[in-house]
Amino acid sequence: MASMSFALNRFSGLASKTSLSADFDPSSRRSFLPPTRVGLRISAAAAAESEPDLSVTVNGLKMPNPFVIGSGPPGTNYTVMKRAFDEGWGAVIAKTVSLDASKVINVTPRYARLRTGSNGSAKADVIGWQNIELISDRPLETMLKEFKQLKQEYPDRILIASIMEEYNKTAWEELIDRVEQTGVDALEINFSCPHGMPERRMGAAVGQDCALLDEVCGWINAKATVPVWAKMTPNITDITEPARVSLKSGCEGIAAINTIMSVMGVDLKTLRPEPCVEGYSTPGGYSYKAVRPIALAKVMSIAKMMKSEFSGNDYSLSGIGGVETGYDAAEFILLGSNTVQVCTGVMMHGYGHVKTLCAELQDFMKQHNFSTIEDFRGHSLQYFTTHTDLVKRQKEAVEQRKAEKRGLKSDKDWTGDGFVKETESMVSN
C-alpha cells in the first residue's frame, strides 16, 4: 500500500489521508501549507481581486469558501447535492448512510418548529427546529452510484460522505471500503445522531461512551484512506472528552455540534406533543438559530482543548449550530472553526443562500481589514478565562480607575504638558 501525504492550515492544523499505508501513523501525515494573501489595489481589476479571500484548505481539501452543506435533507440525493455545487457551496456532506437502509423507516410529519409567539402561533418568527428524521432510507447502492456521478461531474469540488454503522468492525470496514471506492474526498462519522436506533449502538450511543468511541475510531482510522471527521453530540456533560478521544484515535477533524435532544412542545388544544404522528411523538434533535449560543460554547471548548493539547498537529474543526448569516459564521471562525456547516438554514432559505452568506462574511472581513479566513480564525479564544480571573481583572481595573480619579500620588508626578488636566483630576466639585 502506498505512503501518505498531508497538508495543513494554521491555528490547530489540518491533515488528510491521501492513500492507505500498512504502517499508518497519524503523527506522520502533516506538512505546512502557507496562507493565501491578497494583492495590492492598483487598478479596477486589482480592486476586484482584493476582495477578502474566502477559500480554505482543510485536511488537504481545497474549498472556495468555508460554507459546507451539513449532513441531512440538503444532501439527501444527487439532485440536491448537484444544486449545492452549482450554487457555490464550499463542500457538501451527504446525508448519513449505512449498509442496510431497509432498517431505516421514517415517519411523517417529522419536523416541528419553535416560534417566538405563544403556543400554537402560526405567524411569529421561527427560531428553533426539531426533527425526528433518521439517516438515509435510500439503498446504499443508489447513494454510492450518486456519489460517484457527482465526483465525475465535479472532480474539483469536495464531497464528504457521512457514515454510521452498528457496533461491528466488519460492517464498518465494509461500509468504508464501498464508500471510498466512489471517490469521495473525506468521511464524516456520525457519532452524534440523538434519536433512532440507539439499541443498535449507533450515533450518540457511541459518541457518549468514550471507551466505545475509542474502539470504533480505531477500526475506522485503520481502514480509512481519506480524512476522517468525528461528528460530536452536544448531549454530554463535557464535549471535549469524546473530541479528545477521536483525535487521539486517528481522526483528522472534529465536527460539532449535532442536534440537541429536545421535546419541541405540547399543543395546548390537543394536549399532544409535537411533531405529532398518529397522536404520539418521540424526543428529537433541536437545531436552527436558537441553538447557536450552545453550539458556540461547545465549539469554543473543543477549540481551546485542541489548541492546548494538540498544538502543532494537523487537525481541523467544523462548526455547526444555528448558522443563518455570514456574521454567524464569523463567530464560529473567531472561535476556531475552519469550516462552518449549514443544514436547517438551507431548509429555511434554499441553496442560493450561500451567496448571501459569502457576501456577509466578506463584509465582516472588510470591516476588520482581514484578507483571509486564517487572519482571524481563533482570534477570540484568547478572551475566554475563568470566573476567578474575571474577578481579579475587575478588581484591578476598579483600583486603577480609583487611582486615576484621585489624581497624582506625588509632587514628582506633575508635568508641564498635562498640568491643567492634572489639576482638574484632584478637584472635588
Protein backbone atom coordinates (compact mmCIF):
# COMPACT_ATOMS: atom_id res chain seq x y z
CA MET A 1 0.00 0.00 0.00
CA ALA A 2 1.15 3.49 -0.82
CA SER A 3 2.55 6.08 1.54
CA MET A 4 0.54 9.04 2.74
CA SER A 5 0.87 12.83 2.27
CA PHE A 6 -0.83 15.62 4.13
CA ALA A 7 -1.43 19.38 4.04
CA LEU A 8 -2.26 21.71 6.91
CA ASN A 9 -3.57 25.16 7.67
CA ARG A 10 -2.73 27.33 10.68
CA PHE A 11 -4.07 27.50 14.27
CA SER A 12 -4.79 23.90 15.30
CA GLY A 13 -3.72 22.46 11.95
CA LEU A 14 -5.18 20.43 9.13
CA ALA A 15 -4.37 17.00 7.72
CA SER A 16 -5.51 14.41 5.19
CA LYS A 17 -5.09 10.74 4.40
CA THR A 18 -4.44 10.60 0.69
CA SER A 19 -3.67 6.92 0.41
CA LEU A 20 -3.52 3.93 2.71
CA SER A 21 -0.32 2.72 4.32
CA ALA A 22 0.32 -0.57 6.09
CA ASP A 23 2.38 1.22 8.74
CA PHE A 24 -0.14 4.06 9.01
CA ASP A 25 0.99 6.66 11.57
CA PRO A 26 -1.31 9.66 12.19
CA SER A 27 1.59 11.73 13.50
CA SER A 28 3.45 11.45 10.18
CA ARG A 29 0.81 12.95 7.91
CA ARG A 30 1.27 16.71 8.30
CA SER A 31 3.11 19.39 6.30
CA PHE A 32 2.72 23.16 6.27
CA LEU A 33 0.59 24.97 3.71
CA PRO A 34 1.13 28.76 3.69
CA PRO A 35 -1.87 31.12 3.90
CA THR A 36 -3.17 32.97 0.87
CA ARG A 37 -2.58 36.72 0.63
CA VAL A 38 -4.44 39.42 -1.25
CA GLY A 39 -2.80 41.64 -3.89
CA LEU A 40 -2.45 45.44 -3.87
CA ARG A 41 -5.30 47.65 -5.06
CA ILE A 42 -3.63 49.24 -8.08
CA SER A 43 -6.35 49.01 -10.73
CA ALA A 44 -10.00 48.15 -11.26
CA ALA A 45 -9.03 44.53 -11.88
CA ALA A 46 -6.78 44.51 -8.84
CA ALA A 47 -9.59 46.03 -6.78
CA ALA A 48 -11.82 43.10 -7.67
CA GLU A 49 -9.04 40.70 -6.75
CA SER A 50 -8.56 42.41 -3.41
CA GLU A 51 -11.93 41.24 -2.13
CA PRO A 52 -11.39 39.15 1.02
CA ASP A 53 -10.40 35.61 0.09
CA LEU A 54 -12.90 33.08 1.45
CA SER A 55 -11.06 29.98 0.20
CA VAL A 56 -9.88 27.46 2.78
CA THR A 57 -7.75 24.33 2.69
CA VAL A 58 -8.82 21.82 5.30
CA ASN A 59 -7.06 18.49 5.71
CA GLY A 60 -5.64 18.99 2.23
CA LEU A 61 -9.13 19.64 0.80
CA LYS A 62 -9.40 22.92 -1.09
CA MET A 63 -12.76 24.71 -0.83
CA PRO A 64 -13.81 28.02 -2.46
CA ASN A 65 -15.39 29.12 0.83
CA PRO A 66 -15.87 27.70 4.34
CA PHE A 67 -19.62 27.08 3.93
CA VAL A 68 -20.43 23.38 3.97
CA ILE A 69 -23.79 21.69 3.46
CA GLY A 70 -24.36 19.79 6.73
CA SER A 71 -25.44 16.17 6.65
CA GLY A 72 -29.23 15.91 6.44
CA PRO A 73 -32.05 16.59 3.99
CA PRO A 74 -30.00 19.15 1.96
CA GLY A 75 -27.63 16.31 0.97
CA THR A 76 -30.13 13.51 0.52
CA ASN A 77 -29.73 12.75 -3.21
CA TYR A 78 -27.88 13.58 -6.41
CA THR A 79 -30.26 16.33 -7.49
CA VAL A 80 -29.97 18.44 -4.35
CA MET A 81 -26.22 17.90 -3.93
CA LYS A 82 -25.67 18.93 -7.56
CA ARG A 83 -27.73 22.05 -6.87
CA ALA A 84 -25.50 22.84 -3.88
CA PHE A 85 -22.36 22.62 -6.01
CA ASP A 86 -23.93 24.72 -8.77
CA GLU A 87 -24.88 27.44 -6.27
CA GLY A 88 -21.33 27.60 -4.94
CA TRP A 89 -21.21 25.85 -1.57
CA GLY A 90 -17.69 25.13 -0.39
CA ALA A 91 -18.38 21.45 0.19
CA VAL A 92 -21.28 19.04 0.58
CA ILE A 93 -21.71 16.42 3.28
CA ALA A 94 -24.25 13.85 2.15
CA LYS A 95 -26.98 12.50 4.37
CA THR A 96 -25.71 9.68 6.58
CA VAL A 97 -25.64 6.23 5.00
CA SER A 98 -25.32 2.74 6.45
CA LEU A 99 -25.10 -0.74 4.94
CA ASP A 100 -28.76 -1.73 5.38
CA ALA A 101 -31.20 1.05 4.52
CA SER A 102 -34.15 -1.33 4.84
CA LYS A 103 -33.97 -0.89 8.61
CA VAL A 104 -34.45 2.86 8.26
CA ILE A 105 -38.15 3.74 8.29
CA ASN A 106 -39.12 7.40 8.61
CA VAL A 107 -42.47 8.84 9.66
CA THR A 108 -44.38 11.97 8.62
CA PRO A 109 -44.68 14.58 9.94
CA ARG A 110 -41.15 14.51 11.30
CA TYR A 111 -40.42 18.20 11.86
CA ALA A 112 -41.69 20.76 14.35
CA ARG A 113 -40.96 24.49 14.63
CA LEU A 114 -40.44 26.74 17.64
CA ARG A 115 -41.76 30.27 17.15
CA THR A 116 -41.27 33.41 19.20
CA GLY A 117 -45.02 33.77 19.77
CA SER A 118 -47.37 31.96 22.12
CA ASN A 119 -48.17 28.25 21.93
CA GLY A 120 -49.58 27.37 18.53
CA SER A 121 -48.74 30.73 16.95
CA ALA A 122 -48.54 30.47 13.17
CA LYS A 123 -47.24 33.96 12.40
CA ALA A 124 -44.31 34.58 14.74
CA ASP A 125 -40.70 34.11 13.61
CA VAL A 126 -39.26 30.60 13.61
CA ILE A 127 -36.25 30.40 15.95
CA GLY A 128 -35.97 26.65 16.51
CA TRP A 129 -36.43 23.47 14.50
CA GLN A 130 -36.83 19.90 15.67
CA ASN A 131 -36.57 16.72 13.64
CA ILE A 132 -37.18 13.07 14.36
CA GLU A 133 -35.76 12.09 10.99
CA LEU A 134 -33.48 9.09 10.68
CA ILE A 135 -30.46 8.60 8.44
CA SER A 136 -30.87 7.94 4.71
CA ASP A 137 -33.59 5.46 3.85
CA ARG A 138 -32.30 5.09 0.28
CA PRO A 139 -30.43 1.88 -0.71
CA LEU A 140 -26.69 2.20 -0.20
CA GLU A 141 -26.00 1.18 -3.79
CA THR A 142 -28.13 4.08 -5.00
CA MET A 143 -26.30 6.58 -2.83
CA LEU A 144 -22.91 5.19 -3.87
CA LYS A 145 -23.83 5.49 -7.54
CA GLU A 146 -24.78 9.13 -6.99
CA PHE A 147 -21.57 9.88 -5.05
CA LYS A 148 -19.57 8.51 -7.98
CA GLN A 149 -21.58 10.51 -10.51
CA LEU A 150 -21.12 13.73 -8.54
CA LYS A 151 -17.36 13.25 -8.30
CA GLN A 152 -17.16 12.57 -12.04
CA GLU A 153 -19.10 15.76 -12.82
CA TYR A 154 -17.47 17.92 -10.11
CA PRO A 155 -13.95 16.48 -9.73
CA ASP A 156 -12.62 19.71 -8.17
CA ARG A 157 -15.40 20.07 -5.61
CA ILE A 158 -15.39 18.49 -2.15
CA LEU A 159 -17.89 15.71 -1.46
CA ILE A 160 -17.89 14.22 2.03
CA ALA A 161 -19.77 11.04 2.93
CA SER A 162 -21.42 10.82 6.34
CA ILE A 163 -21.47 7.25 7.57
CA MET A 164 -22.85 5.39 10.57
CA GLU A 165 -22.94 1.71 11.35
CA GLU A 166 -23.70 -0.75 14.12
CA TYR A 167 -21.11 -1.86 16.67
CA ASN A 168 -19.50 -4.29 14.26
CA LYS A 169 -15.94 -3.97 13.00
CA THR A 170 -16.56 -5.91 9.80
CA ALA A 171 -19.59 -3.78 8.96
CA TRP A 172 -17.65 -0.54 9.48
CA GLU A 173 -14.79 -1.80 7.28
CA GLU A 174 -17.16 -2.85 4.51
CA LEU A 175 -19.01 0.46 4.60
CA ILE A 176 -15.80 2.50 4.47
CA ASP A 177 -14.40 0.43 1.61
CA ARG A 178 -17.55 0.74 -0.50
CA VAL A 179 -17.96 4.45 0.13
CA GLU A 180 -14.33 5.28 -0.60
CA GLN A 181 -14.50 3.47 -3.95
CA THR A 182 -16.85 6.21 -5.19
CA GLY A 183 -14.09 8.80 -4.92
CA VAL A 184 -15.45 10.86 -2.01
CA ASP A 185 -12.93 13.27 -0.55
CA ALA A 186 -13.48 12.61 3.16
CA LEU A 187 -15.65 10.82 5.71
CA GLU A 188 -17.69 12.36 8.49
CA ILE A 189 -18.53 9.78 11.14
CA ASN A 190 -21.95 10.21 12.71
CA PHE A 191 -21.22 9.61 16.39
CA SER A 192 -23.96 12.00 17.35
CA CYS A 193 -27.46 11.34 15.99
CA PRO A 194 -29.57 11.92 19.14
CA HIS A 195 -32.51 9.71 18.18
CA GLY A 196 -33.23 6.48 16.39
CA MET A 197 -31.56 3.07 16.70
CA PRO A 198 -29.58 3.54 19.95
CA GLU A 199 -30.36 -0.11 20.62
CA ARG A 200 -28.04 -0.90 17.68
CA ARG A 201 -25.25 1.15 19.33
CA MET A 202 -25.30 3.76 16.61
CA GLY A 203 -24.95 7.54 16.60
CA ALA A 204 -24.88 9.23 20.01
CA ALA A 205 -24.84 5.83 21.71
CA VAL A 206 -21.19 5.68 20.58
CA GLY A 207 -20.36 9.36 20.94
CA GLN A 208 -21.47 9.39 24.58
CA ASP A 209 -19.32 6.39 25.52
CA CYS A 210 -15.64 7.28 25.25
CA ALA A 211 -14.40 3.70 25.62
CA LEU A 212 -16.69 2.55 22.83
CA LEU A 213 -15.77 5.61 20.77
CA ASP A 214 -12.07 4.89 21.09
CA GLU A 215 -12.56 1.33 19.88
CA VAL A 216 -14.74 2.25 16.90
CA CYS A 217 -12.46 5.15 15.90
CA GLY A 218 -9.60 2.66 15.91
CA TRP A 219 -11.44 0.43 13.44
CA ILE A 220 -12.34 3.36 11.22
CA ASN A 221 -8.92 5.00 11.08
CA ALA A 222 -7.14 1.73 10.44
CA LYS A 223 -9.29 1.29 7.35
CA ALA A 224 -9.94 4.80 6.03
CA THR A 225 -7.59 6.30 3.41
CA VAL A 226 -9.21 9.75 3.28
CA PRO A 227 -9.58 12.37 6.04
CA VAL A 228 -11.97 11.43 8.83
CA TRP A 229 -14.08 13.92 10.82
CA ALA A 230 -15.78 12.78 14.01
CA LYS A 231 -19.14 14.48 14.50
CA MET A 232 -19.80 15.19 18.17
CA THR A 233 -23.02 15.05 20.15
CA PRO A 234 -23.77 18.01 22.46
CA ASN A 235 -25.82 15.69 24.65
CA ILE A 236 -22.95 15.04 27.01
CA THR A 237 -21.50 16.81 30.06
CA ASP A 238 -18.04 17.61 28.64
CA ILE A 239 -17.82 17.57 24.85
CA THR A 240 -14.04 17.86 24.93
CA GLU A 241 -13.72 14.29 26.21
CA PRO A 242 -15.06 12.49 23.10
CA ALA A 243 -13.36 15.08 20.87
CA ARG A 244 -10.02 14.32 22.52
CA VAL A 245 -10.57 10.56 22.18
CA SER A 246 -11.44 10.92 18.50
CA LEU A 247 -8.29 12.89 17.70
CA LYS A 248 -6.05 10.57 19.67
CA SER A 249 -7.62 7.62 17.85
CA GLY A 250 -6.57 8.96 14.46
CA CYS A 251 -9.34 11.28 13.24
CA GLU A 252 -8.14 14.36 11.38
CA GLY A 253 -11.06 16.57 12.31
CA ILE A 254 -13.92 17.29 14.68
CA ALA A 255 -17.39 18.46 13.63
CA ALA A 256 -19.61 19.99 16.32
CA ILE A 257 -22.37 20.12 17.23
CA ASN A 258 -25.08 17.77 16.08
CA THR A 259 -28.63 18.49 17.18
CA ILE A 260 -29.66 18.79 20.83
CA MET A 261 -32.07 16.24 22.30
CA SER A 262 -35.39 18.01 22.83
CA VAL A 263 -39.15 17.94 23.14
CA MET A 264 -40.37 20.77 20.95
CA GLY A 265 -43.57 21.36 22.86
CA VAL A 266 -47.15 20.31 23.53
CA ASP A 267 -50.16 21.59 21.62
CA LEU A 268 -52.36 23.12 24.31
CA LYS A 269 -55.50 22.47 22.25
CA THR A 270 -54.96 18.78 21.56
CA LEU A 271 -52.64 18.12 24.53
CA ARG A 272 -50.43 16.11 22.17
CA PRO A 273 -46.65 16.59 21.78
CA GLU A 274 -45.09 17.86 18.55
CA PRO A 275 -44.29 16.64 15.97
CA CYS A 276 -47.43 14.56 16.27
CA VAL A 277 -47.60 11.20 14.48
CA GLU A 278 -50.91 9.41 14.93
CA GLY A 279 -51.31 11.22 18.25
CA TYR A 280 -47.85 10.33 19.57
CA SER A 281 -44.29 11.67 19.37
CA THR A 282 -40.72 10.97 20.46
CA PRO A 283 -37.84 13.26 21.55
CA GLY A 284 -35.82 14.55 18.61
CA GLY A 285 -32.95 16.78 17.56
CA TYR A 286 -33.15 20.56 18.06
CA SER A 287 -31.46 22.94 15.61
CA TYR A 288 -31.58 26.39 13.97
CA LYS A 289 -30.76 29.83 15.37
CA ALA A 290 -31.86 29.25 18.98
CA VAL A 291 -29.12 26.63 19.48
CA ARG A 292 -26.28 28.88 18.29
CA PRO A 293 -25.17 30.10 21.76
CA ILE A 294 -24.92 26.49 22.93
CA ALA A 295 -23.06 25.46 19.80
CA LEU A 296 -20.61 28.35 20.17
CA ALA A 297 -19.83 27.32 23.73
CA LYS A 298 -19.17 23.73 22.69
CA VAL A 299 -17.01 24.76 19.74
CA MET A 300 -15.05 27.16 21.96
CA SER A 301 -14.35 24.37 24.45
CA ILE A 302 -13.19 21.99 21.74
CA ALA A 303 -11.02 24.64 20.07
CA LYS A 304 -9.31 25.56 23.34
CA MET A 305 -8.66 21.90 24.07
CA MET A 306 -7.24 21.34 20.57
CA LYS A 307 -5.01 24.39 20.82
CA SER A 308 -3.77 23.37 24.26
CA GLU A 309 -3.31 19.64 23.76
CA PHE A 310 -2.79 19.22 20.03
CA SER A 311 -0.87 22.37 19.14
CA GLY A 312 1.48 21.77 16.24
CA ASN A 313 -0.56 18.84 14.98
CA ASP A 314 -2.75 19.00 11.92
CA TYR A 315 -6.38 18.82 12.96
CA SER A 316 -9.47 20.69 11.83
CA LEU A 317 -12.72 21.87 13.39
CA SER A 318 -16.04 22.24 11.57
CA GLY A 319 -18.54 24.41 13.46
CA ILE A 320 -22.26 23.61 13.33
CA GLY A 321 -25.31 25.06 15.01
CA GLY A 322 -27.77 27.76 14.02
CA VAL A 323 -25.78 29.43 11.26
CA GLU A 324 -28.16 31.64 9.26
CA THR A 325 -25.93 34.56 8.29
CA GLY A 326 -22.33 35.18 7.31
CA TYR A 327 -21.93 37.06 10.59
CA ASP A 328 -23.00 33.92 12.48
CA ALA A 329 -20.28 32.06 10.59
CA ALA A 330 -17.73 34.71 11.57
CA GLU A 331 -18.44 33.95 15.23
CA PHE A 332 -17.68 30.26 14.75
CA ILE A 333 -14.49 31.05 12.86
CA LEU A 334 -13.39 33.52 15.54
CA LEU A 335 -13.76 30.64 17.98
CA GLY A 336 -11.54 28.35 15.93
CA SER A 337 -13.68 26.73 13.22
CA ASN A 338 -12.02 26.03 9.87
CA THR A 339 -15.36 25.47 8.16
CA VAL A 340 -18.99 26.15 9.06
CA GLN A 341 -21.82 23.74 8.30
CA VAL A 342 -25.37 24.75 7.44
CA CYS A 343 -28.31 22.35 7.34
CA THR A 344 -31.56 23.78 8.77
CA GLY A 345 -30.60 27.15 7.30
CA VAL A 346 -30.72 25.61 3.83
CA MET A 347 -34.13 24.14 4.59
CA MET A 348 -35.32 27.62 5.56
CA HIS A 349 -33.64 29.73 2.85
CA GLY A 350 -32.66 27.43 -0.02
CA TYR A 351 -29.36 26.60 -1.71
CA GLY A 352 -28.88 30.07 -3.19
CA HIS A 353 -28.48 31.45 0.33
CA VAL A 354 -24.76 30.62 0.14
CA LYS A 355 -24.24 33.78 -1.92
CA THR A 356 -25.66 35.88 0.92
CA LEU A 357 -23.55 34.00 3.45
CA CYS A 358 -20.38 34.68 1.46
CA ALA A 359 -21.21 38.36 0.94
CA GLU A 360 -21.92 38.88 4.65
CA LEU A 361 -18.74 37.09 5.72
CA GLN A 362 -16.71 39.22 3.31
CA ASP A 363 -18.43 42.33 4.68
CA PHE A 364 -17.31 41.37 8.18
CA MET A 365 -13.78 40.78 6.94
CA LYS A 366 -13.67 44.17 5.24
CA GLN A 367 -14.77 45.89 8.44
CA HIS A 368 -11.71 44.48 10.20
CA ASN A 369 -9.30 44.50 7.25
CA PHE A 370 -8.97 40.72 7.21
CA SER A 371 -7.70 39.31 3.91
CA THR A 372 -8.16 35.60 4.56
CA ILE A 373 -10.08 33.30 6.87
CA GLU A 374 -6.84 32.43 8.63
CA ASP A 375 -6.30 36.08 9.53
CA PHE A 376 -8.98 35.86 12.21
CA ARG A 377 -9.62 32.19 12.87
CA GLY A 378 -9.41 31.51 16.59
CA HIS A 379 -8.77 35.19 17.42
CA SER A 380 -11.46 35.43 20.10
CA LEU A 381 -10.34 32.34 22.05
CA GLN A 382 -7.81 34.46 23.94
CA TYR A 383 -10.61 36.40 25.61
CA PHE A 384 -12.09 33.44 27.47
CA THR A 385 -10.90 32.84 31.02
CA THR A 386 -12.11 31.61 34.41
CA HIS A 387 -14.55 33.36 36.69
CA THR A 388 -11.81 33.72 39.30
CA ASP A 389 -9.66 35.53 36.77
CA LEU A 390 -12.59 37.81 35.83
CA VAL A 391 -12.94 38.83 39.49
CA LYS A 392 -9.21 39.56 39.70
CA ARG A 393 -9.25 41.57 36.47
CA GLN A 394 -12.22 43.64 37.56
CA LYS A 395 -10.74 44.34 40.98
CA GLU A 396 -7.51 45.57 39.38
CA ALA A 397 -9.44 47.71 36.88
CA VAL A 398 -11.54 49.30 39.65
CA GLU A 399 -8.45 50.08 41.69
CA GLN A 400 -6.83 51.63 38.63
CA ARG A 401 -9.87 53.80 37.94
CA LYS A 402 -9.94 54.94 41.55
CA ALA A 403 -6.26 55.81 41.41
CA GLU A 404 -6.84 57.87 38.28
CA LYS A 405 -9.77 59.64 39.93
CA ARG A 406 -7.69 60.62 42.96
CA GLY A 407 -5.19 62.35 40.70
CA LEU A 408 -1.47 62.50 41.29
CA LYS A 409 0.09 60.42 44.02
CA SER A 410 3.20 62.62 44.46
CA ASP A 411 4.53 66.09 43.59
CA LYS A 412 7.06 64.44 41.31
CA ASP A 413 4.23 63.31 39.00
CA TRP A 414 3.32 66.84 37.84
CA THR A 415 4.11 67.51 34.17
CA GLY A 416 4.17 70.73 32.17
CA ASP A 417 2.09 69.46 29.25
CA GLY A 418 -0.66 67.93 31.36
CA PHE A 419 -0.70 70.47 34.18
CA VAL A 420 -4.30 71.67 33.71
CA LYS A 421 -5.74 68.16 33.43
CA GLU A 422 -3.67 67.03 36.39
CA THR A 423 -5.09 69.88 38.40
CA GLU A 424 -8.65 69.01 37.39
CA SER A 425 -8.11 65.37 38.39
CA MET A 426 -7.77 66.46 42.01
CA VAL A 427 -10.72 68.86 42.18
CA SER A 428 -13.72 67.56 44.15
CA ASN A 429 -16.55 69.71 42.70
